[in-house]
Every structure is written in C-alpha cells, then in structure tokens.
C-alpha cells in the first residue's frame, strides 16, 4: 500500500520543484508541471527560439500557451485532503544559521547546493533535477552560501561573470557594454586563476616570514642566555677584585654590582619585548595563512574576488629579521676597568671613576634604531659613492669623477672585464654598503632605476638574473617620468607620487631596512623594504634609452 502511495505521489509531483503539483499545467509532450515552475524555467530560455521539456527534452516552437489542467488539479486537492504529504526528517529543516532551499513552498529545508546559473539554493530533494535533466548539466553547483545574490549586478539584475581589470571589480555583460566599455576585461574564472597564483605566492611569503621569525626567536633566546652568562661572570670577577680593597672601595663595588644588574635587567627586558613582538607577528601570520587557505578553497569565483583584496594584502614587517648575537664585551670591559682600579686606586677614586660607569652603560641597542625623520638626520649617515668603470655597460659614459652616468648611442672604449654588464645598460658603485648609509641620486629626465644589489649578481647575458630588480639579489626603484614602481625578484609594485628629480636612499643593513625617498624641500617616503640582507650591498643604476642620465650627488 505504501509503495502505491509513493508511486502516486511521484506521479502527481512537479519534476522541477519536486513538490505536489500546484496549478498544474500539461505541456504538449504530455508531462505536467506547476504553472509557476515551468513559466520560470521557460523565462530563462526566452532568448532561445525554441523551448523544451525539462524531462524528455522535446522542444516546442513557438512557446506553448499554458492552461491549467483542471482534472489534475482536482486530483491533487483530493489527495492533499487525504493526507498525502511528504514529511522530511526534522533535522533537514533549515534553521536560522542555515541556507534555506528557495524552492520549498512551506517548511523550508536545508540547502545542500547553490546553482550559480539559477542563482537559487536547493535542498537534496529539489536538487535532484539538476543531476537528472540534461537541461541542467552545464549549471555550476557550489556549496550553500547566503551571499549568492552578490553574484547579481545590482544595476542590471544580471549574473556577473566578467572581471574588469581596469576598475578591479566583477561586472555583468551589460556593464561591459555600458560604463566599462573599452576596459580590459576577462572571464571571472580566468581572473580567479590569476589571483589564485598570487594567493599561493602570498602564502609562500607568509611561510618564509614565519620561519624567519621563529629563527629570530631562537636567536633572541640565545642572546638572553649570553647576557646572563656574561653578566654573572662580570659580577663574579668584579667582586673578587673589590674584595682586595675591602673598606676603601666597598661602596664602589656595590655601585658596580648594582649597575651590572640594572644593565642585565634592561637588556633582558629589551630582548623579551622583542621576543613578544615577534611571537605576536608569527600568530598574526599564521592566522592570515589560515584565512588565505580557506579562501583558496572557495568554489564561488565571485565570492573569492570579493574577499581576496581585503585578505591578500600583507602588512609591512615592523621588526628586523636579521637578529644576530652581538659581542657582549662591555661586561668584560667592566672587569678590565675594575682591575685597573686595583693598581690606580687614588686616580679611580678622584678622576677615573667615570670610566667604570661608562663601561657598564655603553650598550649597543638591540632593537633596530629608528629611521631619521628629516634630511638633516639622514645626512648624518651620508656616504660618498663613485661608479665602477669595470662594471659599466659599453654605452654608458661616466663623468664628474665617476659620479655621473649617461646612456650614449656610441660605444665607449672600455677594456674587457669579468665584472662588466654585457647586455643591460647598468653600472654599479665601487663602495661596499653595510651598517647605516644614505646617498642621493638626481635624474632630471627619468628613465632610470636606482638600485642596490649583492656583488654576485650575474653580469653576462640578457637574463633576469642580470637585470637590477628582476632577481632575488637586487632591489630597484624605477623612475619613469611621471610613473614610479618598485621591483624585486621580478615582482612589480606600482607607487604613487608626483614628479620628482632627486631620490634619497637610506640603508640600515643590520636591521634589514631599505627606504627610498623623494627629496625636495621635504622628504617624502616612496617605498620601504623590510627584509634580511645576507651579504654587503652595492649601489646600482639602470638606464632605459639614449640620453638618460643620473648623478650620485656629493653630499656635504
């Protein structure tokens, strides 16, 4: 009996909504549907010349006029009165936090899939037709989402499947013919593929930064242990020396001990503070990585592109990743200074006591030193750089005591040298750059890259390995008339800024900081790099076309 009822219910159910027929109509091929269901189905096909049956696929031309099947409608009503209703499990009903099926007419069931073509959500029952009917085989099904309507253009009420690269937004085909006409556009799926590659690159950077920060934390722990060890030894040696002086310098012995312990506390506190900051950054990077991983698995291209810009940006690193154990000789200096007091007791008490105090307090700062805030501050670290003729490309003319380079049509008479660039119009400085350095480059015409590089950059050939800014050995600011970009490892970063003629370059090698400024009456930051420099650096210049020139300014 139950099998008969089930078969009867199936016979009078709509194959589109899978519920009992409501206002049933019969199409020419004999299959019956709810009037609203078949109308909505054919409305989506209005651009076609023919309309088809969702079940058998038979087509009709023109679109059939639908009339209510009175006999079938009466049968459905009689069966409803008799209690023939489907009763899904209570756990299948949609709750406040669930995505509800758009087709269910009474009690909404949970949706298990969303269709990006229909722009509707379906429960397991109503999704069946998408799997069984050939008419739905090209429809794209994704996991349920409450943000499905974000795929619809608010202006034209059309599905957005196109990405405008000019305006960096997803649009519909009507937008393409209207306000986005002539813009650079690609299918959303193609843009998703490109952004997915960027996402993976961002994750690799995050992983590298996590590894670097974890390494820094270990180095800082070693620094704490070294500070403790040197401090204890200095205290022990100082006490032995002062024990020989008993009454005469007992007070001074207490002072030195207190200074050493204070310095120990200050140093350990400084290191602990930096440890805490780095651990916090590691946590943030891991959280960012998790968010990007989740986003990379999103099937909805539009949702991916909506969320990507806010998740992809990485914040600038605020701490040095080149934390290295530094000499702690100042503790030994204390011991030496105290030892000297044994032989020159009177001088120490009257005049030389200052030496002991200075030896304790003269400490190199562990945290990165702050970057200067004005040009006068930068000029304290100015260095004179001259260009190396042995590295200059054959068409570069050096002048002004090798501080100026000009790209010439005619080849210069340079001798053969293994350090010379053979294909790119480049030249390097002679001086090794380490510690804190500052220099300025002036170019009135533009068409110049101002760069720093490791000495082991390749010289021969027209490969990216030789080109400043296009490999992992060099960093370059490109000044091309009114547009400015930063290049590293062949990654281009567009920069904003008005026209300028002089660039200031600030390097803190130990802290891993490289900053580029436009120099005029004021200093305007163009771009800052936070990284780890593993080798000494050299200044570099690259030129684009005949007549381009740049000069390393002699700073007073």
Protein backbone atom coordinates (compact mmCIF):
# COMPACT_ATOMS: atom_id res chain seq x y z
CA UNK A 1 0.00 0.00 0.00
CA UNK A 2 2.86 2.37 0.94
CA UNK A 3 4.56 1.63 -2.39
CA UNK A 4 1.37 2.56 -4.26
CA UNK A 5 1.08 5.84 -2.32
CA UNK A 6 4.72 6.63 -3.05
CA UNK A 7 4.24 5.93 -6.75
CA UNK A 8 1.05 8.02 -6.81
CA UNK A 9 2.79 10.94 -5.08
CA UNK A 10 5.62 10.79 -7.61
CA UNK A 11 3.13 10.78 -10.48
CA UNK A 12 1.45 14.00 -9.37
CA UNK A 13 4.67 15.79 -8.34
CA UNK A 14 6.37 18.53 -10.35
CA UNK A 15 9.75 17.34 -11.67
CA UNK A 16 11.12 20.88 -11.30
CA UNK A 17 10.25 21.69 -7.66
CA UNK A 18 9.60 18.03 -6.72
CA UNK A 19 6.58 19.06 -4.63
CA UNK A 20 2.96 18.15 -5.28
CA UNK A 21 1.67 19.97 -8.34
CA UNK A 22 0.30 23.46 -7.74
CA UNK A 23 -1.88 24.94 -10.51
CA UNK A 24 -0.83 22.01 -12.73
CA UNK A 25 -0.37 22.51 -16.50
CA UNK A 26 0.43 19.94 -19.14
CA UNK A 27 2.88 20.75 -21.94
CA UNK A 28 2.41 19.32 -25.50
CA UNK A 29 4.62 16.28 -24.84
CA UNK A 30 2.29 15.19 -22.00
CA UNK A 31 4.42 15.98 -18.95
CA UNK A 32 2.90 18.10 -16.21
CA UNK A 33 4.39 20.86 -14.05
CA UNK A 34 3.43 23.58 -11.62
CA UNK A 35 2.43 26.58 -13.72
CA UNK A 36 4.94 28.89 -11.95
CA UNK A 37 7.75 26.33 -12.21
CA UNK A 38 7.52 25.81 -15.98
CA UNK A 39 6.99 29.53 -16.58
CA UNK A 40 10.13 30.37 -14.62
CA UNK A 41 12.02 27.65 -16.47
CA UNK A 42 10.97 28.98 -19.89
CA UNK A 43 11.54 32.59 -18.85
CA UNK A 44 15.22 31.77 -18.54
CA UNK A 45 15.11 30.44 -22.11
CA UNK A 46 13.38 33.45 -23.66
CA UNK A 47 16.48 34.33 -25.64
CA UNK A 48 16.14 30.99 -27.46
CA UNK A 49 13.81 30.44 -30.41
CA UNK A 50 12.55 27.11 -29.02
CA UNK A 51 11.52 25.95 -25.55
CA UNK A 52 11.89 22.44 -24.22
CA UNK A 53 10.52 19.98 -21.70
CA UNK A 54 12.84 19.61 -18.69
CA UNK A 55 12.06 15.88 -18.50
CA UNK A 56 12.16 14.50 -22.04
CA UNK A 57 13.88 17.37 -23.82
CA UNK A 58 11.26 17.70 -26.58
CA UNK A 59 11.24 21.22 -27.98
CA UNK A 60 8.30 23.45 -28.95
CA UNK A 61 8.12 26.43 -31.28
CA UNK A 62 6.60 28.85 -30.55
CA UNK A 63 6.40 28.86 -26.75
CA UNK A 64 3.23 26.92 -25.79
CA UNK A 65 0.33 28.75 -24.17
CA UNK A 66 -0.22 27.20 -20.74
CA UNK A 67 -3.68 26.27 -19.48
CA UNK A 68 -4.50 24.87 -16.06
CA UNK A 69 -5.20 21.11 -16.07
CA UNK A 70 -8.45 21.18 -14.06
CA UNK A 71 -8.79 17.41 -13.69
CA UNK A 72 -5.23 17.04 -12.41
CA UNK A 73 -5.68 20.00 -10.08
CA UNK A 74 -8.78 18.42 -8.54
CA UNK A 75 -6.96 15.12 -8.09
CA UNK A 76 -4.11 16.84 -6.29
CA UNK A 77 -6.53 18.63 -3.98
CA UNK A 78 -8.32 15.37 -3.13
CA UNK A 79 -5.03 13.68 -2.35
CA UNK A 80 -3.92 16.58 -0.17
CA UNK A 81 -7.14 16.28 1.82
CA UNK A 82 -6.44 12.59 2.21
CA UNK A 83 -3.12 13.45 3.86
CA UNK A 84 -0.65 12.60 1.07
CA UNK A 85 2.23 14.93 2.02
CA UNK A 86 5.92 14.40 2.17
CA UNK A 87 7.41 14.56 5.68
CA UNK A 88 11.14 15.07 5.74
CA UNK A 89 13.20 14.45 8.83
CA UNK A 90 13.02 17.33 11.28
CA UNK A 91 16.81 17.64 11.12
CA UNK A 92 16.53 18.54 7.41
CA UNK A 93 14.63 21.74 8.10
CA UNK A 94 16.60 24.97 7.76
CA UNK A 95 17.45 26.77 10.97
CA UNK A 96 18.40 30.45 11.50
CA UNK A 97 22.05 29.75 10.65
CA UNK A 98 21.33 27.54 7.62
CA UNK A 99 20.86 28.42 3.97
CA UNK A 100 17.26 27.57 3.11
CA UNK A 101 16.04 25.93 -0.10
CA UNK A 102 14.50 28.53 -2.41
CA UNK A 103 12.06 26.05 -3.95
CA UNK A 104 10.39 24.67 -0.82
CA UNK A 105 6.97 26.35 -0.55
CA UNK A 106 6.02 25.63 3.05
CA UNK A 107 8.54 24.49 5.65
CA UNK A 108 11.97 25.29 4.20
CA UNK A 109 14.55 22.51 4.08
CA UNK A 110 18.30 22.99 4.35
CA UNK A 111 20.03 23.73 1.06
CA UNK A 112 22.90 21.41 0.16
CA UNK A 113 23.96 23.22 -3.03
CA UNK A 114 23.60 26.58 -4.75
CA UNK A 115 23.39 27.00 -8.52
CA UNK A 116 25.37 29.90 -9.97
CA UNK A 117 23.23 29.81 -13.13
CA UNK A 118 19.81 29.65 -11.50
CA UNK A 119 21.03 31.84 -8.60
CA UNK A 120 19.00 29.66 -6.26
CA UNK A 121 19.67 27.30 -3.35
CA UNK A 122 18.34 23.72 -3.37
CA UNK A 123 17.71 21.04 -0.79
CA UNK A 124 18.57 17.45 -1.59
CA UNK A 125 15.06 16.81 -2.89
CA UNK A 126 14.86 19.80 -5.23
CA UNK A 127 18.45 19.43 -6.41
CA UNK A 128 17.59 16.09 -7.98
CA UNK A 129 16.53 17.61 -11.30
CA UNK A 130 19.95 19.28 -11.73
CA UNK A 131 21.55 15.85 -11.72
CA UNK A 132 18.92 14.04 -13.81
CA UNK A 133 17.87 16.51 -16.54
CA UNK A 134 20.25 17.25 -19.46
CA UNK A 135 18.94 20.82 -19.45
CA UNK A 136 20.88 21.50 -16.23
CA UNK A 137 24.12 19.66 -16.98
CA UNK A 138 26.07 22.89 -17.65
CA UNK A 139 24.88 24.58 -14.48
CA UNK A 140 27.57 25.30 -11.86
CA UNK A 141 26.81 23.94 -8.38
CA UNK A 142 28.68 25.20 -5.31
CA UNK A 143 28.37 24.84 -1.55
CA UNK A 144 25.43 26.72 0.05
CA UNK A 145 26.04 30.44 0.56
CA UNK A 146 23.89 33.26 1.90
CA UNK A 147 25.84 35.67 -0.32
CA UNK A 148 24.58 34.20 -3.58
CA UNK A 149 22.86 37.43 -4.57
CA UNK A 150 26.24 39.17 -4.57
CA UNK A 151 26.72 37.44 -7.92
CA UNK A 152 23.89 39.55 -9.37
CA UNK A 153 24.54 43.03 -10.77
CA UNK A 154 22.55 45.50 -8.66
CA UNK A 155 22.14 47.79 -11.65
CA UNK A 156 21.14 45.35 -14.42
CA UNK A 157 19.92 42.35 -12.38
CA UNK A 158 22.18 40.06 -14.42
CA UNK A 159 24.66 37.43 -13.27
CA UNK A 160 28.18 38.89 -13.00
CA UNK A 161 30.64 36.61 -14.80
CA UNK A 162 33.16 39.15 -16.10
CA UNK A 163 36.06 40.80 -14.23
CA UNK A 164 37.10 44.34 -15.18
CA UNK A 165 40.84 44.64 -14.60
CA UNK A 166 40.75 48.37 -15.28
CA UNK A 167 38.40 49.04 -12.32
CA UNK A 168 39.24 45.86 -10.39
CA UNK A 169 35.63 44.71 -9.98
CA UNK A 170 33.31 41.97 -11.18
CA UNK A 171 30.60 43.02 -13.64
CA UNK A 172 27.81 41.63 -15.87
CA UNK A 173 27.75 41.60 -19.66
CA UNK A 174 25.50 44.70 -19.75
CA UNK A 175 28.06 46.63 -17.66
CA UNK A 176 30.64 45.62 -20.26
CA UNK A 177 28.65 47.40 -22.96
CA UNK A 178 27.94 50.43 -20.75
CA UNK A 179 30.22 52.11 -18.21
CA UNK A 180 33.01 49.53 -18.65
CA UNK A 181 33.11 49.75 -22.44
CA UNK A 182 36.68 49.64 -23.73
CA UNK A 183 38.12 48.42 -20.40
CA UNK A 184 40.40 45.43 -20.04
CA UNK A 185 38.12 42.54 -19.08
CA UNK A 186 38.47 38.77 -18.67
CA UNK A 187 36.12 35.97 -17.55
CA UNK A 188 35.81 35.81 -13.78
CA UNK A 189 37.17 32.28 -13.83
CA UNK A 190 40.35 33.42 -15.62
CA UNK A 191 40.89 36.22 -13.10
CA UNK A 192 40.31 33.76 -10.28
CA UNK A 193 43.11 31.60 -11.71
CA UNK A 194 45.49 34.57 -11.72
CA UNK A 195 44.52 35.65 -8.22
CA UNK A 196 44.91 32.06 -7.03
CA UNK A 197 48.53 32.18 -8.17
CA UNK A 198 49.01 35.43 -6.24
CA UNK A 199 47.39 33.85 -3.20
CA UNK A 200 49.83 30.94 -3.31
CA UNK A 201 52.68 33.42 -3.61
CA UNK A 202 51.39 35.30 -0.57
CA UNK A 203 51.20 32.07 1.40
CA UNK A 204 54.80 31.25 0.48
CA UNK A 205 55.87 34.70 1.71
CA UNK A 206 53.95 34.16 4.94
CA UNK A 207 55.57 30.76 5.45
CA UNK A 208 59.01 32.25 4.85
CA UNK A 209 58.32 35.07 7.28
CA UNK A 210 57.06 32.60 9.89
CA UNK A 211 60.26 30.56 9.54
CA UNK A 212 62.33 33.73 9.76
CA UNK A 213 60.54 34.94 12.87
CA UNK A 214 60.85 31.53 14.55
CA UNK A 215 64.57 31.63 13.81
CA UNK A 216 64.74 35.13 15.29
CA UNK A 217 63.03 33.94 18.47
CA UNK A 218 65.67 31.21 18.88
CA UNK A 219 68.46 33.74 18.32
CA UNK A 220 66.94 36.04 20.92
CA UNK A 221 66.80 33.20 23.42
CA UNK A 222 70.49 32.58 22.83
CA UNK A 223 71.05 36.31 23.34
CA UNK A 224 69.30 36.12 26.73
CA UNK A 225 71.46 33.18 27.78
CA UNK A 226 74.62 35.00 26.64
CA UNK A 227 73.63 38.14 28.56
CA UNK A 228 73.00 36.11 31.70
CA UNK A 229 76.32 34.26 31.37
CA UNK A 230 78.44 37.33 30.69
CA UNK A 231 76.71 39.27 33.42
CA UNK A 232 77.28 36.56 36.02
CA UNK A 233 80.94 36.27 35.08
CA UNK A 234 81.44 40.04 35.20
CA UNK A 235 79.80 40.22 38.62
CA UNK A 236 81.95 37.38 39.93
CA UNK A 237 85.22 38.89 38.67
CA UNK A 238 84.33 42.32 39.95
CA UNK A 239 83.58 41.01 43.42
CA UNK A 240 86.94 39.22 43.60
CA UNK A 241 88.80 42.41 42.72
CA UNK A 242 86.84 44.57 45.10
CA UNK A 243 87.35 42.10 47.94
CA UNK A 244 91.04 43.14 47.96
CA UNK A 245 90.08 46.74 48.61
CA UNK A 246 87.55 45.96 51.36
CA UNK A 247 86.98 49.25 53.16
CA UNK A 248 88.35 51.71 50.62
CA UNK A 249 86.18 50.73 47.68
CA UNK A 250 83.38 48.64 49.17
CA UNK A 251 80.86 51.31 48.24
CA UNK A 252 82.19 51.41 44.66
CA UNK A 253 81.92 47.62 44.48
CA UNK A 254 78.28 47.83 45.44
CA UNK A 255 77.74 50.51 42.79
CA UNK A 256 79.27 48.40 40.03
CA UNK A 257 77.26 45.37 41.04
CA UNK A 258 74.06 47.38 41.00
CA UNK A 259 74.91 48.87 37.59
CA UNK A 260 75.63 45.48 36.11
CA UNK A 261 72.41 44.01 37.45
CA UNK A 262 70.45 47.01 36.21
CA UNK A 263 72.04 46.65 32.79
CA UNK A 264 71.26 42.94 32.81
CA UNK A 265 67.62 43.65 33.64
CA UNK A 266 67.41 46.32 30.93
CA UNK A 267 68.99 44.06 28.30
CA UNK A 268 66.85 41.04 29.16
CA UNK A 269 63.74 43.22 29.24
CA UNK A 270 64.62 44.64 25.81
CA UNK A 271 65.14 41.16 24.36
CA UNK A 272 61.94 39.82 25.96
CA UNK A 273 59.98 42.72 24.49
CA UNK A 274 61.28 41.94 21.02
CA UNK A 275 60.54 38.24 21.53
CA UNK A 276 56.96 39.06 22.42
CA UNK A 277 56.51 41.26 19.35
CA UNK A 278 57.91 38.58 17.05
CA UNK A 279 55.73 35.85 18.58
CA UNK A 280 52.69 38.09 18.11
CA UNK A 281 53.66 38.64 14.47
CA UNK A 282 54.02 34.87 14.00
CA UNK A 283 50.49 34.38 15.36
CA UNK A 284 49.13 37.04 13.01
CA UNK A 285 50.92 35.50 10.04
CA UNK A 286 49.55 32.04 10.86
CA UNK A 287 46.04 33.49 11.16
CA UNK A 288 46.49 35.24 7.81
CA UNK A 289 47.72 31.99 6.26
CA UNK A 290 44.65 30.12 7.54
CA UNK A 291 42.31 32.75 6.08
CA UNK A 292 44.06 32.62 2.71
CA UNK A 293 43.97 28.81 2.72
CA UNK A 294 40.22 28.86 3.37
CA UNK A 295 39.75 31.43 0.63
CA UNK A 296 41.78 29.32 -1.83
CA UNK A 297 39.23 26.50 -1.48
CA UNK A 298 36.23 28.73 -2.18
CA UNK A 299 34.44 27.47 -5.29
CA UNK A 300 32.50 30.65 -5.96
CA UNK A 301 34.72 32.84 -8.16
CA UNK A 302 32.75 35.94 -7.40
CA UNK A 303 32.93 35.42 -3.66
CA UNK A 304 36.66 34.76 -4.00
CA UNK A 305 37.18 38.02 -5.89
CA UNK A 306 35.03 39.97 -3.40
CA UNK A 307 37.07 38.70 -0.45
CA UNK A 308 40.55 38.50 -1.99
CA UNK A 309 41.57 42.20 -1.92
CA UNK A 310 40.98 42.55 1.81
CA UNK A 311 42.77 39.28 2.63
CA UNK A 312 45.66 39.35 0.15
CA UNK A 313 47.37 42.48 1.38
CA UNK A 314 50.28 41.85 3.61
CA UNK A 315 51.32 44.32 6.27
CA UNK A 316 54.85 45.68 6.32
CA UNK A 317 57.16 43.87 8.73
CA UNK A 318 57.95 46.13 11.66
CA UNK A 319 60.93 44.28 13.11
CA UNK A 320 64.33 43.24 11.84
CA UNK A 321 64.63 39.63 10.75
CA UNK A 322 68.45 39.76 10.92
CA UNK A 323 68.71 39.31 14.67
CA UNK A 324 72.25 38.16 15.35
CA UNK A 325 74.11 37.64 18.57
CA UNK A 326 76.36 40.64 19.07
CA UNK A 327 79.55 40.87 21.15
CA UNK A 328 78.97 41.41 24.83
CA UNK A 329 82.44 42.73 25.53
CA UNK A 330 81.11 45.61 27.57
CA UNK A 331 80.77 43.22 30.50
CA UNK A 332 84.41 42.23 30.09
CA UNK A 333 85.29 45.92 29.82
CA UNK A 334 83.79 46.40 33.26
CA UNK A 335 86.04 43.73 34.66
CA UNK A 336 89.06 45.32 32.98
CA UNK A 337 88.14 48.72 34.30
CA UNK A 338 87.72 47.41 37.84
CA UNK A 339 91.02 45.54 37.59
CA UNK A 340 92.70 48.81 36.70
CA UNK A 341 91.38 50.33 39.91
CA UNK A 342 93.48 47.90 41.90
CA UNK A 343 96.66 49.49 40.55
CA UNK A 344 95.43 53.09 40.40
CA UNK A 345 93.30 53.40 43.47
CA UNK A 346 93.73 57.12 44.02
CA UNK A 347 93.07 58.01 40.36
CA UNK A 348 89.95 55.91 40.26
CA UNK A 349 88.51 57.46 43.37
CA UNK A 350 89.20 61.03 42.25
CA UNK A 351 89.20 61.13 38.45
CA UNK A 352 88.88 57.78 36.72
CA UNK A 353 85.68 56.51 38.33
CA UNK A 354 83.73 57.74 35.31
CA UNK A 355 85.44 55.12 33.15
CA UNK A 356 83.83 52.31 35.15
CA UNK A 357 80.36 53.78 34.88
CA UNK A 358 80.72 54.36 31.14
CA UNK A 359 81.95 50.82 30.57
CA UNK A 360 78.78 49.47 32.20
CA UNK A 361 76.30 51.76 30.48
CA UNK A 362 77.81 51.86 26.98
CA UNK A 363 75.50 49.31 25.35
CA UNK A 364 74.72 48.77 21.69
CA UNK A 365 70.94 48.91 21.13
CA UNK A 366 69.46 45.51 20.32
CA UNK A 367 66.26 46.81 18.77
CA UNK A 368 66.52 48.48 15.32
CA UNK A 369 67.45 52.14 15.54
CA UNK A 370 64.67 54.48 14.44
CA UNK A 371 64.85 55.86 10.93
CA UNK A 372 65.66 59.60 10.71
CA UNK A 373 62.68 61.91 10.32
CA UNK A 374 64.28 64.71 8.30
CA UNK A 375 67.04 65.25 5.76
CA UNK A 376 69.46 66.54 8.37
CA UNK A 377 69.07 63.25 10.22
CA UNK A 378 69.71 61.22 7.05
CA UNK A 379 72.79 63.30 6.18
CA UNK A 380 74.46 62.03 9.38
CA UNK A 381 74.76 58.69 7.58
CA UNK A 382 75.72 60.08 4.16
CA UNK A 383 78.33 58.14 2.22
CA UNK A 384 80.21 59.08 -0.92
CA UNK A 385 79.65 56.62 -3.76
CA UNK A 386 81.57 56.52 -7.05
CA UNK A 387 80.69 54.41 -10.07
CA UNK A 388 82.91 51.48 -11.02
CA UNK A 389 84.05 51.72 -14.70
CA UNK A 390 84.77 47.98 -14.68
CA UNK A 391 81.03 47.27 -14.27
CA UNK A 392 79.68 49.88 -16.72
CA UNK A 393 77.79 48.77 -19.85
CA UNK A 394 79.70 49.68 -23.02
CA UNK A 395 77.33 52.54 -23.95
CA UNK A 396 77.45 54.28 -20.55
CA UNK A 397 79.64 57.37 -20.31
CA UNK A 398 80.98 58.09 -16.81
CA UNK A 399 81.86 61.66 -15.82
CA UNK A 400 82.05 64.04 -12.83
CA UNK A 401 84.78 61.91 -11.20
CA UNK A 402 82.76 58.76 -11.90
CA UNK A 403 79.69 60.04 -10.04
CA UNK A 404 77.58 60.64 -13.19
CA UNK A 405 76.50 58.18 -15.90
CA UNK A 406 74.85 58.91 -19.28
CA UNK A 407 73.45 56.41 -21.78
CA UNK A 408 75.10 57.19 -25.17
CA UNK A 409 74.50 55.92 -28.70
CA UNK A 410 78.20 55.45 -29.34
CA UNK A 411 80.12 52.68 -27.60
CA UNK A 412 82.74 53.73 -25.05
CA UNK A 413 86.32 52.44 -25.07
CA UNK A 414 86.21 50.21 -22.03
CA UNK A 415 88.59 47.27 -21.71
CA UNK A 416 87.24 43.75 -21.24
CA UNK A 417 86.44 42.90 -17.62
CA UNK A 418 84.54 39.99 -15.98
CA UNK A 419 82.52 42.44 -13.81
CA UNK A 420 81.12 44.34 -16.81
CA UNK A 421 77.39 44.11 -17.70
CA UNK A 422 77.25 42.86 -21.28
CA UNK A 423 73.57 43.35 -22.20
CA UNK A 424 71.75 45.60 -19.76
CA UNK A 425 72.52 49.34 -19.50
CA UNK A 426 73.74 49.17 -15.91
CA UNK A 427 76.62 50.23 -13.66
CA UNK A 428 77.46 49.55 -10.01
CA UNK A 429 79.16 51.62 -7.33
CA UNK A 430 82.64 50.80 -6.06
CA UNK A 431 81.92 51.16 -2.37
CA UNK A 432 80.70 48.34 -0.13
CA UNK A 433 77.49 49.31 1.71
CA UNK A 434 76.91 47.97 5.23
CA UNK A 435 75.74 49.44 8.51
CA UNK A 436 73.68 52.62 8.08
CA UNK A 437 74.16 54.51 4.79
CA UNK A 438 72.46 57.33 2.93
CA UNK A 439 73.02 58.69 -0.59
CA UNK A 440 71.09 60.70 -3.20
CA UNK A 441 70.65 60.26 -6.95
CA UNK A 442 69.48 63.05 -9.27
CA UNK A 443 67.88 62.42 -12.68
CA UNK A 444 66.13 65.29 -14.46
CA UNK A 445 64.88 63.23 -17.40
CA UNK A 446 63.77 59.99 -15.76
CA UNK A 447 64.14 56.59 -17.35
CA UNK A 448 66.40 55.37 -14.52
CA UNK A 449 66.34 52.60 -11.93
CA UNK A 450 68.01 53.44 -8.62
CA UNK A 451 69.03 50.15 -7.05
CA UNK A 452 71.08 48.19 -4.53
CA UNK A 453 72.43 44.71 -5.22
CA UNK A 454 74.70 41.96 -3.98
CA UNK A 455 78.04 41.84 -5.75
CA UNK A 456 77.38 38.30 -7.02
CA UNK A 457 74.60 39.41 -9.41
CA UNK A 458 75.20 37.92 -12.87
CA UNK A 459 76.89 40.19 -15.43
CA UNK A 460 76.79 38.37 -18.78
CA UNK A 461 73.67 37.96 -20.91
CA UNK A 462 70.20 39.45 -21.18
CA UNK A 463 68.67 37.32 -18.44
CA UNK A 464 66.59 38.50 -15.50
CA UNK A 465 69.42 37.22 -13.28
CA UNK A 466 71.47 40.17 -14.58
CA UNK A 467 68.76 42.87 -14.51
CA UNK A 468 68.52 45.11 -11.44
CA UNK A 469 65.23 44.47 -9.62
CA UNK A 470 64.37 41.30 -11.54
CA UNK A 471 66.04 38.75 -9.25
CA UNK A 472 66.41 37.95 -5.55
CA UNK A 473 69.81 39.67 -5.41
CA UNK A 474 68.68 43.23 -6.13
CA UNK A 475 66.10 45.87 -5.18
CA UNK A 476 65.27 48.79 -7.52
CA UNK A 477 63.13 51.94 -7.67
CA UNK A 478 62.08 52.67 -11.26
CA UNK A 479 61.69 56.39 -12.09
CA UNK A 480 59.99 56.58 -15.48
CA UNK A 481 58.98 60.23 -15.99
CA UNK A 482 55.68 60.54 -14.09
CA UNK A 483 55.24 56.91 -13.03
CA UNK A 484 57.17 55.08 -10.32
CA UNK A 485 57.43 51.40 -9.48
CA UNK A 486 59.44 49.21 -7.16
CA UNK A 487 61.00 45.97 -8.41
CA UNK A 488 62.38 42.97 -6.55
CA UNK A 489 62.66 39.37 -7.72
CA UNK A 490 60.83 40.38 -10.93
CA UNK A 491 57.75 41.49 -8.93
CA UNK A 492 56.48 44.96 -9.84
CA UNK A 493 54.88 47.19 -7.18
CA UNK A 494 53.23 50.39 -8.52
CA UNK A 495 53.89 53.50 -6.40
CA UNK A 496 52.03 56.79 -6.12
CA UNK A 497 53.67 60.20 -6.13
CA UNK A 498 54.10 63.41 -8.09
CA UNK A 499 57.09 64.14 -10.32
CA UNK A 500 60.45 64.45 -8.56
CA UNK A 501 64.07 64.69 -9.69
CA UNK A 502 66.11 63.53 -6.71
CA UNK A 503 65.89 60.20 -4.87
CA UNK A 504 67.30 59.63 -1.39
CA UNK A 505 68.26 56.05 -0.49
CA UNK A 506 68.56 55.00 3.15
CA UNK A 507 70.02 51.62 4.12
CA UNK A 508 70.20 50.04 7.57
CA UNK A 509 71.92 46.79 6.62
CA UNK A 510 71.82 45.14 10.03
CA UNK A 511 68.13 45.98 10.56
CA UNK A 512 67.24 44.88 7.01
CA UNK A 513 65.71 48.27 6.14
CA UNK A 514 65.91 49.85 2.67
CA UNK A 515 63.94 53.09 2.09
CA UNK A 516 63.51 55.32 -0.97
CA UNK A 517 62.55 59.00 -0.58
CA UNK A 518 61.78 61.82 -2.98
CA UNK A 519 63.98 64.73 -1.92
CA UNK A 520 62.92 68.38 -2.27
CA UNK A 521 62.16 70.85 0.49
CA UNK A 522 60.82 67.88 2.39
CA UNK A 523 61.48 64.12 2.45
CA UNK A 524 58.58 62.01 1.11
CA UNK A 525 58.72 58.25 1.61
CA UNK A 526 58.16 56.40 -1.69
CA UNK A 527 58.73 52.80 -0.59
CA UNK A 528 60.27 50.91 2.33
CA UNK A 529 61.60 47.34 2.30
CA UNK A 530 61.93 45.18 5.43
CA UNK A 531 63.97 42.07 4.73
CA UNK A 532 67.17 40.21 5.67
CA UNK A 533 70.37 41.21 3.90
CA UNK A 534 72.79 38.30 3.89
CA UNK A 535 75.71 40.00 2.08
CA UNK A 536 77.14 43.50 1.71
CA UNK A 537 75.35 45.66 -0.87
CA UNK A 538 76.42 47.93 -3.72
CA UNK A 539 74.60 50.89 -5.28
CA UNK A 540 73.43 50.46 -8.88
CA UNK A 541 71.91 52.42 -11.77
CA UNK A 542 69.99 51.20 -14.82
CA UNK A 543 69.10 53.31 -17.89
CA UNK A 544 66.35 52.79 -20.47
CA UNK A 545 67.09 54.92 -23.52
CA UNK A 546 69.64 57.14 -25.25
CA UNK A 547 70.25 60.40 -23.37
CA UNK A 548 69.05 59.19 -19.95
CA UNK A 549 71.41 60.36 -17.21
CA UNK A 550 71.79 60.16 -13.42
CA UNK A 551 74.27 61.58 -10.94
CA UNK A 552 75.28 60.50 -7.44
CA UNK A 553 75.13 63.77 -5.52
CA UNK A 554 78.14 64.77 -3.45
CA UNK A 555 76.62 65.44 -0.04
CA UNK A 556 78.22 67.98 2.30
